[in-house]
Amino acid sequence: MEVKNFKMVAKTLFGLEELLAQELRHLGASNIEIGTRNVSFEGDTGFMYKANLCCRTAIKILKPIHAFNIFTEEDLYKKIYEMPWENYMSVSGTLAVNATVFSDVFTHSQYIALKTKDAIVDRFRDREGSRPDVDLDHPTLRINIHIDRNICTVSLDSSGESLHKRGYKIESTLAPINEVLAAGLIMLAGWNGQCDFLDPMCGGGTILTEAAMIACNIPPNLNRDEFGFETWPDFDVDLFEKIESSALKKIREFPHKIWGYDTDAVAIRKAKENIKSANLQDFIEVKHQDFFESEKMTEKPLYMVFNPPYDERISINDIETFYSSIGNTLKRSYPGTQAWMITSNFEALKYVGLRPSKKIKLFNGKLEAKLVRYEIYEGSRKASKQ
């Protein structure tokens, strides 16, 4: 039987597009094109399953099924109504519609989603005498509407819930970092398990968990309860299990150490619970420890990736002193370390007192942020280069 490739679109966070393209290329995608917060590519049904299971920096994997021009709300309703929705779900199923709009004519995404839902349920009611219900939490079918000026693209959401919801996080802290962003930080830093790793302000342990999965090449979404495609009429459970089994065979040993510190005993407890939930307690050690009173535990090279408080969701009494202490601790106690830190507090960043060797623009939620690299050498920088 001929295996047909089709176009898909993977959505991601700003600044992670190149990483996602690299992931898709490594997994075997074809015709990869990078956009803003998205990467389009081609693959077959098995690849769609694999992309959902294995992509660390994807938020959604969408399968476009139709595109058309619209100029009025009536156009949208008519074109959606004419689509054969009975091929994608039954009248006894449930649906949820999400819409994004970039148009002068269509400006309200929730209204577009509502209009789309009306057209679909009206088609079922007219054809079968009853209509499917809406379920925003666990629908049989998630539908994505994307309007760019006058072009409407209708896609099926193969992921279901956002792929940042890996399934291992059972305890949340006050200002948790998105799992996709955490994986992206580690990958942008260039760490893939080649040496020891430290998150000195680990909170609920998200960066630590993502680091361990990267180091061991564990599929990031292995712990999820379900994907959107599992409720589709054409879901091939045997093919999915084959894809999953193949991914599991590629898990590797990790000979180095991953540590996490935090001054909050409650955060440490939550981190331990999350790490245990991910079955990664053999690879990660977390300590109730003040980073500012710590020092590097070995002479081996160390990667450090962390997300310190920005004085936004977590308040800091003296943000200048706090960021100054970060720089002083790195200089005093962490020679031979490549330290990467993300923050949206650009003013506080000046008090670190170290010159970043790299800056990358990202967003943490709605906050514009910078991922910066500090290279802490043994002795002077000049001597290290020599």
Protein backbone atom coordinates (compact mmCIF):
# COMPACT_ATOMS: atom_id res chain seq x y z
CA MET A 1 0.00 0.00 0.00
CA GLU A 2 1.31 3.44 -0.93
CA VAL A 3 2.15 5.62 2.07
CA LYS A 4 1.07 9.19 1.47
CA ASN A 5 2.90 12.19 2.88
CA PHE A 6 0.94 15.30 3.76
CA LYS A 7 1.70 18.78 5.01
CA MET A 8 1.76 19.50 8.75
CA VAL A 9 2.50 22.59 10.82
CA ALA A 10 4.31 22.44 14.15
CA LYS A 11 3.71 25.43 16.41
CA THR A 12 6.39 26.57 18.85
CA LEU A 13 7.56 29.50 20.96
CA PHE A 14 9.31 32.56 19.56
CA GLY A 15 13.03 31.93 19.20
CA LEU A 16 12.77 28.13 19.10
CA GLU A 17 11.87 27.78 15.41
CA GLU A 18 15.38 26.76 14.27
CA LEU A 19 15.62 24.17 17.04
CA LEU A 20 12.25 22.69 16.07
CA ALA A 21 13.30 22.52 12.41
CA GLN A 22 16.46 20.67 13.47
CA GLU A 23 14.40 18.23 15.52
CA LEU A 24 12.02 17.55 12.64
CA ARG A 25 14.92 17.11 10.22
CA HIS A 26 16.60 14.66 12.59
CA LEU A 27 13.35 12.68 12.92
CA GLY A 28 13.04 12.43 9.13
CA ALA A 29 10.64 15.19 8.01
CA SER A 30 10.80 16.55 4.47
CA ASN A 31 10.10 19.96 2.86
CA ILE A 32 10.79 21.84 6.10
CA GLU A 33 10.00 25.58 6.08
CA ILE A 34 10.58 27.87 9.05
CA GLY A 35 8.00 30.53 9.90
CA THR A 36 7.39 32.74 12.94
CA ARG A 37 6.48 30.54 15.91
CA ASN A 38 5.90 27.65 13.51
CA VAL A 39 7.62 25.18 11.20
CA SER A 40 5.82 23.50 8.30
CA PHE A 41 6.93 20.08 7.06
CA GLU A 42 5.76 16.91 5.35
CA GLY A 43 5.48 13.34 6.58
CA ASP A 44 3.09 10.40 6.77
CA THR A 45 0.72 9.32 9.55
CA GLY A 46 3.48 7.46 11.38
CA PHE A 47 5.63 10.57 11.31
CA MET A 48 2.76 12.61 12.76
CA TYR A 49 2.68 10.19 15.68
CA LYS A 50 6.47 10.38 16.02
CA ALA A 51 6.55 14.20 15.94
CA ASN A 52 4.01 14.39 18.77
CA LEU A 53 5.90 11.85 20.84
CA CYS A 54 9.46 13.05 20.23
CA CYS A 55 9.56 16.82 19.51
CA ARG A 56 10.80 18.70 22.58
CA THR A 57 10.17 22.21 21.23
CA ALA A 58 6.75 21.74 19.58
CA ILE A 59 3.57 22.99 21.24
CA LYS A 60 1.15 21.59 18.63
CA ILE A 61 1.28 19.43 15.51
CA LEU A 62 -1.50 20.55 13.18
CA LYS A 63 -2.76 18.70 10.09
CA PRO A 64 -4.24 21.18 7.56
CA ILE A 65 -7.19 19.65 5.69
CA HIS A 66 -8.62 22.60 3.73
CA ALA A 67 -7.85 26.21 2.79
CA PHE A 68 -10.04 28.76 1.06
CA ASN A 69 -10.61 32.48 0.55
CA ILE A 70 -13.19 34.27 2.69
CA PHE A 71 -14.38 37.86 2.62
CA THR A 72 -17.38 37.78 4.97
CA GLU A 73 -18.60 35.82 7.97
CA GLU A 74 -21.16 34.18 5.68
CA ASP A 75 -18.29 32.92 3.49
CA LEU A 76 -16.70 31.29 6.52
CA TYR A 77 -19.94 29.62 7.63
CA LYS A 78 -20.75 28.35 4.13
CA LYS A 79 -17.27 26.93 3.41
CA ILE A 80 -17.03 25.23 6.82
CA TYR A 81 -20.57 23.84 6.46
CA GLU A 82 -19.69 22.28 3.09
CA MET A 83 -16.75 20.30 4.47
CA PRO A 84 -17.37 16.53 5.07
CA TRP A 85 -17.05 16.61 8.86
CA GLU A 86 -18.63 13.16 9.13
CA ASN A 87 -15.31 11.81 7.80
CA TYR A 88 -13.51 13.15 10.87
CA MET A 89 -15.96 12.51 13.71
CA SER A 90 -19.35 11.01 14.45
CA VAL A 91 -22.43 12.84 15.66
CA SER A 92 -21.98 11.18 19.05
CA GLY A 93 -18.51 12.71 19.38
CA THR A 94 -17.52 16.08 20.81
CA LEU A 95 -15.56 18.98 19.37
CA ALA A 96 -13.59 22.06 20.34
CA VAL A 97 -12.57 24.90 18.03
CA ASN A 98 -9.59 27.23 18.44
CA ALA A 99 -9.02 30.21 16.15
CA THR A 100 -6.23 32.69 15.44
CA VAL A 101 -6.83 35.68 13.19
CA PHE A 102 -4.55 38.17 11.43
CA SER A 103 -7.01 40.21 9.39
CA ASP A 104 -8.60 43.63 9.13
CA VAL A 105 -11.95 42.05 8.29
CA PHE A 106 -12.02 39.27 10.89
CA THR A 107 -10.79 40.62 14.21
CA HIS A 108 -12.38 38.49 16.94
CA SER A 109 -10.92 34.99 17.23
CA GLN A 110 -13.54 33.72 19.69
CA TYR A 111 -16.34 34.78 17.38
CA ILE A 112 -14.65 32.99 14.46
CA ALA A 113 -14.38 29.85 16.59
CA LEU A 114 -18.08 30.12 17.51
CA LYS A 115 -19.11 30.62 13.86
CA THR A 116 -17.06 27.57 12.85
CA LYS A 117 -18.64 25.45 15.58
CA ASP A 118 -22.12 26.56 14.45
CA ALA A 119 -21.45 25.52 10.85
CA ILE A 120 -20.17 22.08 11.87
CA VAL A 121 -23.00 21.22 14.26
CA ASP A 122 -25.59 22.61 11.82
CA ARG A 123 -24.28 20.26 9.11
CA PHE A 124 -24.67 17.27 11.43
CA ARG A 125 -28.14 18.36 12.54
CA ASP A 126 -29.34 18.87 8.95
CA ARG A 127 -27.91 15.53 7.78
CA GLU A 128 -28.55 13.29 10.79
CA GLY A 129 -31.17 15.02 12.91
CA SER A 130 -28.88 15.53 15.90
CA ARG A 131 -25.71 17.42 16.65
CA PRO A 132 -22.39 16.78 18.41
CA ASP A 133 -21.67 18.55 21.69
CA VAL A 134 -18.84 20.91 22.56
CA ASP A 135 -16.21 19.71 25.05
CA LEU A 136 -13.35 22.15 25.60
CA ASP A 137 -11.37 19.80 27.86
CA HIS A 138 -11.42 16.35 26.22
CA PRO A 139 -13.08 16.60 22.80
CA THR A 140 -13.11 13.82 20.22
CA LEU A 141 -11.87 16.34 17.66
CA ARG A 142 -9.93 19.58 18.12
CA ILE A 143 -10.15 21.95 15.16
CA ASN A 144 -7.81 24.87 14.49
CA ILE A 145 -8.86 27.83 12.33
CA HIS A 146 -6.13 30.16 11.09
CA ILE A 147 -7.14 33.30 9.17
CA ASP A 148 -4.38 35.33 7.51
CA ARG A 149 -5.98 38.33 5.79
CA ASN A 150 -8.54 36.56 3.54
CA ILE A 151 -7.10 33.04 3.58
CA CYS A 152 -8.67 30.59 6.00
CA THR A 153 -6.84 27.36 6.81
CA VAL A 154 -8.70 24.58 8.60
CA SER A 155 -6.54 22.07 10.49
CA LEU A 156 -7.05 19.11 12.76
CA ASP A 157 -5.10 19.36 16.01
CA SER A 158 -3.27 16.03 16.29
CA SER A 159 -1.76 16.87 19.69
CA GLY A 160 -4.83 17.54 21.79
CA GLU A 161 -3.67 19.47 24.85
CA SER A 162 -0.53 21.57 24.34
CA LEU A 163 2.58 19.42 24.09
CA HIS A 164 4.21 21.36 26.91
CA LYS A 165 1.93 19.34 29.20
CA ARG A 166 4.28 16.36 29.28
CA GLY A 167 2.35 14.46 31.92
CA TYR A 168 5.04 14.25 34.61
CA LYS A 169 4.32 17.48 36.49
CA ILE A 170 2.08 16.73 39.46
CA GLU A 171 3.22 19.60 41.69
CA SER A 172 3.43 23.21 40.50
CA THR A 173 5.39 26.08 42.04
CA LEU A 174 4.56 29.81 42.08
CA ALA A 175 6.26 30.72 38.79
CA PRO A 176 6.76 27.47 36.84
CA ILE A 177 8.62 27.55 33.53
CA ASN A 178 6.92 26.09 30.45
CA GLU A 179 8.34 22.63 29.67
CA VAL A 180 8.86 23.45 25.98
CA LEU A 181 10.73 26.63 26.92
CA ALA A 182 12.83 24.72 29.46
CA ALA A 183 13.84 22.16 26.83
CA GLY A 184 14.55 24.98 24.38
CA LEU A 185 16.88 26.75 26.85
CA ILE A 186 18.92 23.59 27.35
CA MET A 187 19.11 22.91 23.61
CA LEU A 188 20.03 26.52 22.80
CA ALA A 189 22.79 26.23 25.41
CA GLY A 190 24.19 23.28 23.45
CA TRP A 191 23.98 20.80 26.32
CA ASN A 192 22.99 17.26 25.39
CA GLY A 193 24.48 15.23 28.22
CA GLN A 194 28.20 15.75 27.55
CA CYS A 195 29.06 16.85 31.12
CA ASP A 196 27.57 17.61 34.55
CA PHE A 197 24.54 19.92 34.74
CA LEU A 198 23.24 22.27 37.46
CA ASP A 199 20.09 24.32 37.89
CA PRO A 200 20.95 26.42 40.98
CA MET A 201 17.39 27.82 41.39
CA CYS A 202 15.41 24.78 40.32
CA GLY A 203 11.91 25.48 41.68
CA GLY A 204 9.67 22.55 40.72
CA GLY A 205 12.42 20.82 38.76
CA THR A 206 11.22 21.40 35.19
CA ILE A 207 14.63 22.33 33.75
CA LEU A 208 16.21 19.38 35.58
CA THR A 209 13.62 16.94 34.24
CA GLU A 210 13.93 18.19 30.67
CA ALA A 211 17.74 18.01 30.96
CA ALA A 212 17.59 14.37 32.09
CA MET A 213 15.26 13.44 29.23
CA ILE A 214 17.61 15.13 26.75
CA ALA A 215 20.67 13.43 28.24
CA CYS A 216 19.03 9.99 28.08
CA ASN A 217 17.24 10.64 24.76
CA ILE A 218 13.89 9.85 26.39
CA PRO A 219 10.87 10.93 24.27
CA PRO A 220 9.58 14.09 26.01
CA ASN A 221 5.91 13.17 25.74
CA LEU A 222 6.22 9.55 26.86
CA ASN A 223 4.27 10.31 30.07
CA ARG A 224 1.24 11.91 28.40
CA ASP A 225 -2.12 10.20 28.89
CA GLU A 226 -3.30 10.85 25.34
CA PHE A 227 -2.78 12.69 22.07
CA GLY A 228 -5.52 14.24 19.94
CA PHE A 229 -5.05 11.75 17.10
CA GLU A 230 -5.96 8.83 19.38
CA THR A 231 -9.67 9.71 19.09
CA TRP A 232 -9.62 10.09 15.29
CA PRO A 233 -11.54 7.45 13.27
CA ASP A 234 -8.37 6.41 11.40
CA PHE A 235 -6.13 6.06 14.48
CA ASP A 236 -3.77 3.11 13.93
CA VAL A 237 -2.91 1.86 17.43
CA ASP A 238 -0.51 -0.79 16.11
CA LEU A 239 1.45 1.80 14.15
CA PHE A 240 1.60 4.13 17.16
CA GLU A 241 2.88 1.35 19.42
CA LYS A 242 5.51 0.50 16.81
CA ILE A 243 6.64 4.17 16.71
CA GLU A 244 6.73 4.31 20.51
CA SER A 245 8.70 1.06 20.78
CA SER A 246 11.25 2.30 18.24
CA ALA A 247 11.73 5.56 20.18
CA LEU A 248 12.21 3.69 23.46
CA LYS A 249 15.00 1.59 21.94
CA LYS A 250 17.00 4.79 21.36
CA ILE A 251 17.18 5.69 25.08
CA ARG A 252 20.83 5.90 26.17
CA GLU A 253 22.92 5.80 29.33
CA PHE A 254 23.99 9.05 31.03
CA PRO A 255 27.34 8.88 32.88
CA HIS A 256 27.37 12.39 34.41
CA LYS A 257 25.46 14.16 37.22
CA ILE A 258 22.44 16.47 37.21
CA TRP A 259 21.94 18.64 40.32
CA GLY A 260 19.30 21.11 41.43
CA TYR A 261 19.38 23.62 44.30
CA ASP A 262 16.69 25.81 45.85
CA THR A 263 16.30 27.72 49.11
CA ASP A 264 12.59 26.89 49.33
CA ALA A 265 12.00 23.56 51.07
CA VAL A 266 8.50 23.34 49.59
CA ALA A 267 9.90 23.78 46.06
CA ILE A 268 12.44 21.04 46.72
CA ARG A 269 9.68 18.67 47.84
CA LYS A 270 7.66 19.46 44.72
CA ALA A 271 10.70 19.01 42.49
CA LYS A 272 11.33 15.58 43.98
CA GLU A 273 7.70 14.59 43.37
CA ASN A 274 7.80 15.74 39.75
CA ILE A 275 11.14 14.02 39.10
CA LYS A 276 9.82 10.80 40.64
CA SER A 277 6.68 11.08 38.50
CA ALA A 278 8.94 11.20 35.43
CA ASN A 279 10.90 8.14 36.71
CA LEU A 280 14.13 10.17 36.61
CA GLN A 281 15.16 10.10 40.28
CA ASP A 282 18.19 7.93 39.41
CA PHE A 283 19.65 10.75 37.30
CA ILE A 284 18.79 13.88 39.28
CA GLU A 285 19.72 14.99 42.80
CA VAL A 286 18.04 18.03 44.36
CA LYS A 287 19.25 19.79 47.50
CA HIS A 288 17.89 22.41 49.90
CA GLN A 289 20.84 24.72 49.20
CA ASP A 290 21.46 28.45 48.77
CA PHE A 291 23.31 28.91 45.47
CA PHE A 292 25.04 32.01 46.87
CA GLU A 293 26.65 29.85 49.56
CA SER A 294 27.57 26.99 47.24
CA GLU A 295 30.61 26.07 45.20
CA LYS A 296 31.37 23.78 42.30
CA MET A 297 31.56 20.19 43.53
CA THR A 298 34.02 18.78 40.98
CA GLU A 299 36.79 20.02 38.73
CA LYS A 300 35.01 18.65 35.67
CA PRO A 301 33.31 20.98 33.15
CA LEU A 302 29.84 22.11 34.19
CA TYR A 303 26.80 23.47 32.35
CA MET A 304 24.44 25.67 34.34
CA VAL A 305 20.97 26.63 33.04
CA PHE A 306 18.54 28.50 35.27
CA ASN A 307 15.52 30.76 35.48
CA PRO A 308 16.03 33.17 38.41
CA PRO A 309 13.19 35.33 39.77
CA TYR A 310 12.49 38.45 37.65
CA ASP A 311 10.69 40.37 40.44
CA GLU A 312 7.46 39.74 38.50
CA ARG A 313 5.54 36.70 39.78
CA ILE A 314 8.10 36.11 42.55
CA SER A 315 9.01 39.28 44.46
CA ILE A 316 12.62 39.99 45.46
CA ASN A 317 13.29 42.59 48.17
CA ASP A 318 16.55 43.84 46.65
CA ILE A 319 16.74 42.75 43.02
CA GLU A 320 20.04 44.60 42.42
CA THR A 321 21.81 42.75 45.22
CA PHE A 322 20.25 39.45 44.14
CA TYR A 323 21.56 39.69 40.57
CA SER A 324 24.91 41.02 41.79
CA SER A 325 25.19 37.92 43.99
CA ILE A 326 24.64 35.71 40.93
CA GLY A 327 27.68 37.24 39.24
CA ASN A 328 29.82 37.15 42.38
CA THR A 329 28.99 33.48 43.05
CA LEU A 330 29.80 32.48 39.49
CA LYS A 331 33.15 34.31 39.57
CA ARG A 332 34.12 33.10 43.04
CA SER A 333 32.89 29.51 43.12
CA TYR A 334 32.24 28.15 39.62
CA PRO A 335 35.38 28.09 37.48
CA GLY A 336 35.15 25.97 34.32
CA THR A 337 31.42 26.61 33.99
CA GLN A 338 29.22 27.68 31.10
CA ALA A 339 26.30 29.45 32.78
CA TRP A 340 23.06 30.24 30.90
CA MET A 341 20.35 32.34 32.50
CA ILE A 342 16.96 33.59 31.23
CA THR A 343 15.41 36.78 32.59
CA SER A 344 12.96 39.47 31.57
CA ASN A 345 14.42 41.98 34.04
CA PHE A 346 16.92 43.65 31.71
CA GLU A 347 17.77 46.36 34.24
CA ALA A 348 18.67 43.80 36.92
CA LEU A 349 20.82 41.93 34.39
CA LYS A 350 23.28 44.85 34.45
CA TYR A 351 24.11 44.11 38.10
CA VAL A 352 25.43 40.61 37.37
CA GLY A 353 28.74 42.33 36.63
CA LEU A 354 29.79 39.87 33.94
CA ARG A 355 29.85 40.41 30.20
CA PRO A 356 27.53 37.95 28.42
CA SER A 357 29.22 36.11 25.54
CA LYS A 358 25.82 35.50 23.92
CA LYS A 359 22.29 36.94 24.09
CA ILE A 360 19.18 35.32 22.60
CA LYS A 361 15.75 36.98 22.50
CA LEU A 362 12.91 34.77 23.78
CA PHE A 363 9.56 35.12 25.51
CA ASN A 364 8.65 33.59 28.86
CA GLY A 365 4.89 33.65 28.60
CA LYS A 366 4.06 37.21 27.53
CA LEU A 367 7.27 38.62 28.98
CA GLU A 368 10.06 39.46 26.56
CA ALA A 369 13.19 37.80 27.91
CA LYS A 370 16.86 37.24 27.15
CA LEU A 371 18.80 34.03 27.44
CA VAL A 372 22.38 35.05 28.24
CA ARG A 373 25.59 33.03 28.45
CA TYR A 374 28.43 33.66 30.90
CA GLU A 375 31.63 31.71 30.39
CA ILE A 376 33.46 31.31 33.69
CA TYR A 377 37.05 30.27 33.00
CA GLU A 378 39.67 28.62 35.19
CA GLY A 379 41.95 31.57 36.03
CA SER A 380 41.84 34.43 33.54
CA ARG A 381 40.01 34.26 30.22
CA LYS A 382 43.22 35.03 28.38
CA ALA A 383 45.06 32.18 30.10
CA SER A 384 42.20 29.77 29.34
CA LYS A 385 42.33 30.59 25.63
CA GLN A 386 46.09 30.10 25.57
